[in-house]
Amino acid sequence: MNLHIVALFKFNESYLMEAVEFFQKLIRETRKENGCLQYELVEDKDQKGTFFLIELWESAEHHSRHDATDHLFEFRNNISKILTETIQVYKGYKIY
């Protein structure tokens, strides 16, 4: 069963370029992973510095493997210094 994930990130506007660079590297590497069906970055239209990472994985097992990758570890380490709030992550399965 496909796993859907939305992760919410908030950054101070002075770090937006840096944040986007970190996301670009993460997205490039993650899209190469087995089981990654969708991995896209969306910026909130009304709240500058608020981003949504939209993920679709073939299965929870594929996402679990993603959680152990070096590029995700590096991303988390880099952004932890520039976030204004804790990351919010929502995971679920499509109902309809």
N, C-alpha and C. Protein backbone atom coordinates (compact mmCIF):
# COMPACT_ATOMS: atom_id res chain seq x y z
N MET A 1 0.84 -1.17 0.00
CA MET A 1 0.00 0.00 0.00
C MET A 1 0.90 1.25 0.00
N ASN A 2 0.59 2.21 -0.85
CA ASN A 2 1.38 3.44 -0.95
C ASN A 2 1.26 4.27 0.32
N LEU A 3 2.38 4.86 0.73
CA LEU A 3 2.42 5.73 1.90
C LEU A 3 2.53 7.18 1.44
N HIS A 4 1.61 8.01 1.90
CA HIS A 4 1.59 9.43 1.60
C HIS A 4 2.14 10.19 2.80
N ILE A 5 2.99 11.18 2.52
CA ILE A 5 3.59 11.97 3.61
C ILE A 5 3.58 13.44 3.21
N VAL A 6 3.24 14.28 4.16
CA VAL A 6 3.39 15.73 4.00
C VAL A 6 4.20 16.21 5.20
N ALA A 7 5.30 16.86 4.93
CA ALA A 7 6.15 17.41 5.99
C ALA A 7 6.14 18.93 5.87
N LEU A 8 5.94 19.60 6.98
CA LEU A 8 5.83 21.06 7.03
C LEU A 8 7.09 21.64 7.67
N PHE A 9 7.71 22.58 6.95
CA PHE A 9 8.95 23.22 7.40
C PHE A 9 8.74 24.74 7.43
N LYS A 10 9.28 25.40 8.46
CA LYS A 10 9.20 26.85 8.54
C LYS A 10 10.58 27.42 8.80
N PHE A 11 10.94 28.40 7.95
CA PHE A 11 12.25 29.03 8.03
C PHE A 11 12.10 30.54 8.13
N ASN A 12 13.07 31.17 8.76
CA ASN A 12 13.17 32.62 8.75
C ASN A 12 13.47 33.04 7.32
N GLU A 13 12.89 34.13 6.87
CA GLU A 13 13.07 34.58 5.48
C GLU A 13 14.53 34.81 5.11
N SER A 14 15.38 35.13 6.06
CA SER A 14 16.79 35.38 5.75
C SER A 14 17.53 34.09 5.37
N TYR A 15 16.93 32.93 5.60
CA TYR A 15 17.57 31.65 5.28
C TYR A 15 16.92 30.92 4.12
N LEU A 16 16.04 31.57 3.38
CA LEU A 16 15.29 30.87 2.34
C LEU A 16 16.17 30.29 1.24
N MET A 17 17.13 31.05 0.77
CA MET A 17 18.01 30.55 -0.30
C MET A 17 18.79 29.33 0.17
N GLU A 18 19.29 29.40 1.37
CA GLU A 18 20.03 28.28 1.95
C GLU A 18 19.14 27.05 2.09
N ALA A 19 17.92 27.26 2.58
CA ALA A 19 16.97 26.16 2.75
C ALA A 19 16.66 25.50 1.41
N VAL A 20 16.41 26.29 0.39
CA VAL A 20 16.09 25.75 -0.93
C VAL A 20 17.27 24.93 -1.47
N GLU A 21 18.48 25.38 -1.25
CA GLU A 21 19.66 24.61 -1.69
C GLU A 21 19.72 23.26 -1.00
N PHE A 22 19.45 23.23 0.30
CA PHE A 22 19.44 21.96 1.03
C PHE A 22 18.34 21.04 0.48
N PHE A 23 17.16 21.59 0.23
CA PHE A 23 16.06 20.80 -0.33
C PHE A 23 16.41 20.26 -1.71
N GLN A 24 17.02 21.08 -2.56
CA GLN A 24 17.35 20.64 -3.91
C GLN A 24 18.24 19.42 -3.89
N LYS A 25 19.25 19.44 -3.05
CA LYS A 25 20.16 18.30 -2.96
C LYS A 25 19.42 17.07 -2.45
N LEU A 26 18.60 17.24 -1.40
CA LEU A 26 17.84 16.12 -0.86
C LEU A 26 16.90 15.53 -1.91
N ILE A 27 16.19 16.38 -2.61
CA ILE A 27 15.21 15.92 -3.60
C ILE A 27 15.89 15.18 -4.74
N ARG A 28 16.99 15.72 -5.24
CA ARG A 28 17.72 15.04 -6.33
C ARG A 28 18.09 13.62 -5.93
N GLU A 29 18.64 13.46 -4.73
CA GLU A 29 19.08 12.13 -4.28
C GLU A 29 17.89 11.21 -3.96
N THR A 30 16.87 11.75 -3.33
CA THR A 30 15.73 10.93 -2.93
C THR A 30 14.97 10.40 -4.14
N ARG A 31 14.82 11.20 -5.16
CA ARG A 31 14.08 10.75 -6.36
C ARG A 31 14.75 9.56 -7.03
N LYS A 32 16.01 9.31 -6.75
CA LYS A 32 16.72 8.16 -7.30
C LYS A 32 16.44 6.87 -6.53
N GLU A 33 15.85 7.00 -5.35
CA GLU A 33 15.65 5.86 -4.47
C GLU A 33 14.56 4.92 -4.98
N ASN A 34 14.79 3.64 -4.76
CA ASN A 34 13.79 2.63 -5.09
C ASN A 34 12.55 2.85 -4.23
N GLY A 35 11.38 2.89 -4.85
CA GLY A 35 10.13 3.05 -4.13
C GLY A 35 9.65 4.48 -3.98
N CYS A 36 10.46 5.45 -4.38
CA CYS A 36 10.04 6.86 -4.33
C CYS A 36 9.20 7.16 -5.57
N LEU A 37 7.92 7.44 -5.36
CA LEU A 37 7.00 7.71 -6.47
C LEU A 37 6.80 9.21 -6.69
N GLN A 38 6.94 9.98 -5.62
CA GLN A 38 6.77 11.44 -5.72
C GLN A 38 7.55 12.07 -4.57
N TYR A 39 8.23 13.18 -4.87
CA TYR A 39 8.99 13.90 -3.85
C TYR A 39 9.11 15.33 -4.34
N GLU A 40 8.23 16.20 -3.86
CA GLU A 40 8.14 17.56 -4.39
C GLU A 40 8.11 18.59 -3.27
N LEU A 41 8.71 19.73 -3.55
CA LEU A 41 8.73 20.83 -2.61
C LEU A 41 7.76 21.91 -3.07
N VAL A 42 6.91 22.37 -2.15
CA VAL A 42 5.91 23.40 -2.44
C VAL A 42 6.06 24.49 -1.39
N GLU A 43 6.06 25.74 -1.84
CA GLU A 43 6.10 26.85 -0.89
C GLU A 43 4.68 27.38 -0.69
N ASP A 44 4.33 27.64 0.55
CA ASP A 44 3.02 28.19 0.87
C ASP A 44 2.85 29.53 0.15
N LYS A 45 1.70 29.74 -0.47
CA LYS A 45 1.49 30.96 -1.25
C LYS A 45 1.29 32.19 -0.39
N ASP A 46 0.89 32.01 0.86
CA ASP A 46 0.61 33.15 1.73
C ASP A 46 1.64 33.35 2.84
N GLN A 47 2.43 32.33 3.14
CA GLN A 47 3.38 32.42 4.24
C GLN A 47 4.80 32.18 3.74
N LYS A 48 5.49 33.26 3.47
CA LYS A 48 6.88 33.17 2.99
C LYS A 48 7.71 32.39 4.01
N GLY A 49 8.49 31.45 3.54
CA GLY A 49 9.34 30.67 4.42
C GLY A 49 8.69 29.40 4.93
N THR A 50 7.46 29.12 4.49
CA THR A 50 6.78 27.89 4.88
C THR A 50 6.75 26.97 3.66
N PHE A 51 7.28 25.76 3.85
CA PHE A 51 7.38 24.79 2.77
C PHE A 51 6.71 23.49 3.15
N PHE A 52 6.17 22.81 2.12
CA PHE A 52 5.59 21.49 2.27
C PHE A 52 6.41 20.54 1.41
N LEU A 53 6.86 19.46 1.98
CA LEU A 53 7.50 18.41 1.22
C LEU A 53 6.44 17.33 1.03
N ILE A 54 6.04 17.11 -0.22
CA ILE A 54 5.00 16.15 -0.56
C ILE A 54 5.67 14.86 -1.02
N GLU A 55 5.39 13.78 -0.33
CA GLU A 55 6.05 12.50 -0.62
C GLU A 55 5.02 11.42 -0.90
N LEU A 56 5.37 10.53 -1.81
CA LEU A 56 4.57 9.34 -2.08
C LEU A 56 5.55 8.19 -2.24
N TRP A 57 5.37 7.18 -1.39
CA TRP A 57 6.26 6.03 -1.39
C TRP A 57 5.48 4.77 -1.75
N GLU A 58 6.13 3.88 -2.44
CA GLU A 58 5.51 2.62 -2.84
C GLU A 58 5.02 1.85 -1.61
N SER A 59 5.76 1.95 -0.50
CA SER A 59 5.36 1.26 0.73
C SER A 59 6.04 1.91 1.93
N ALA A 60 5.57 1.57 3.11
CA ALA A 60 6.19 2.06 4.34
C ALA A 60 7.63 1.53 4.45
N GLU A 61 7.88 0.34 3.94
CA GLU A 61 9.23 -0.22 3.97
C GLU A 61 10.20 0.61 3.14
N HIS A 62 9.74 1.08 1.98
CA HIS A 62 10.59 1.94 1.16
C HIS A 62 10.91 3.24 1.90
N HIS A 63 9.91 3.80 2.54
CA HIS A 63 10.15 5.03 3.30
C HIS A 63 11.09 4.78 4.47
N SER A 64 10.97 3.65 5.09
CA SER A 64 11.85 3.30 6.21
C SER A 64 13.31 3.25 5.75
N ARG A 65 13.54 2.72 4.56
CA ARG A 65 14.90 2.69 4.01
C ARG A 65 15.39 4.11 3.72
N HIS A 66 14.48 4.95 3.25
CA HIS A 66 14.82 6.36 2.99
C HIS A 66 15.26 7.05 4.29
N ASP A 67 14.59 6.74 5.38
CA ASP A 67 14.92 7.34 6.67
C ASP A 67 16.35 7.06 7.11
N ALA A 68 16.95 6.00 6.57
CA ALA A 68 18.30 5.61 6.97
C ALA A 68 19.38 6.10 6.01
N THR A 69 19.00 6.90 5.01
CA THR A 69 19.99 7.32 4.01
C THR A 69 20.89 8.45 4.52
N ASP A 70 22.09 8.48 3.97
CA ASP A 70 23.04 9.54 4.33
C ASP A 70 22.55 10.91 3.91
N HIS A 71 21.93 11.01 2.73
CA HIS A 71 21.49 12.33 2.27
C HIS A 71 20.38 12.90 3.13
N LEU A 72 19.51 12.06 3.69
CA LEU A 72 18.48 12.56 4.60
C LEU A 72 19.10 12.97 5.93
N PHE A 73 20.05 12.20 6.42
CA PHE A 73 20.75 12.55 7.66
C PHE A 73 21.45 13.91 7.51
N GLU A 74 22.14 14.10 6.39
CA GLU A 74 22.84 15.36 6.13
C GLU A 74 21.85 16.53 6.04
N PHE A 75 20.73 16.32 5.35
CA PHE A 75 19.70 17.35 5.23
C PHE A 75 19.18 17.75 6.61
N ARG A 76 18.81 16.77 7.40
CA ARG A 76 18.29 17.07 8.74
C ARG A 76 19.30 17.84 9.58
N ASN A 77 20.53 17.44 9.50
CA ASN A 77 21.60 18.12 10.24
C ASN A 77 21.73 19.57 9.79
N ASN A 78 21.70 19.81 8.48
CA ASN A 78 21.86 21.16 7.95
C ASN A 78 20.68 22.07 8.28
N ILE A 79 19.47 21.58 8.13
CA ILE A 79 18.32 22.47 8.33
C ILE A 79 17.99 22.70 9.79
N SER A 80 18.44 21.81 10.65
CA SER A 80 18.12 21.97 12.08
C SER A 80 18.60 23.32 12.61
N LYS A 81 19.62 23.88 11.99
CA LYS A 81 20.19 25.15 12.43
C LYS A 81 19.40 26.37 11.95
N ILE A 82 18.54 26.17 10.94
CA ILE A 82 17.86 27.34 10.35
C ILE A 82 16.34 27.27 10.43
N LEU A 83 15.80 26.22 11.02
CA LEU A 83 14.35 26.12 11.21
C LEU A 83 13.88 27.09 12.29
N THR A 84 12.67 27.63 12.12
CA THR A 84 12.09 28.47 13.18
C THR A 84 11.15 27.67 14.06
N GLU A 85 10.72 26.50 13.60
CA GLU A 85 9.81 25.64 14.36
C GLU A 85 10.17 24.18 14.11
N THR A 86 9.69 23.32 14.95
CA THR A 86 9.88 21.88 14.76
C THR A 86 9.14 21.44 13.51
N ILE A 87 9.74 20.53 12.76
CA ILE A 87 9.11 19.98 11.56
C ILE A 87 7.87 19.20 11.96
N GLN A 88 6.78 19.40 11.23
CA GLN A 88 5.56 18.62 11.42
C GLN A 88 5.45 17.63 10.28
N VAL A 89 5.22 16.37 10.61
CA VAL A 89 5.14 15.32 9.59
C VAL A 89 3.82 14.57 9.74
N TYR A 90 3.13 14.41 8.62
CA TYR A 90 1.86 13.71 8.58
C TYR A 90 2.00 12.53 7.62
N LYS A 91 1.67 11.33 8.08
CA LYS A 91 1.78 10.12 7.26
C LYS A 91 0.42 9.44 7.21
N GLY A 92 0.09 8.91 6.04
CA GLY A 92 -1.18 8.22 5.94
C GLY A 92 -1.33 7.41 4.67
N TYR A 93 -2.44 6.69 4.61
CA TYR A 93 -2.77 5.87 3.46
C TYR A 93 -4.03 6.43 2.82
N LYS A 94 -4.06 6.40 1.50
CA LYS A 94 -5.19 6.94 0.76
C LYS A 94 -6.45 6.13 1.07
N ILE A 95 -7.52 6.84 1.36
CA ILE A 95 -8.79 6.19 1.66
C ILE A 95 -9.68 6.12 0.43
N TYR A 96 -9.71 7.21 -0.32
CA TYR A 96 -10.62 7.27 -1.47
C TYR A 96 -9.94 7.88 -2.65
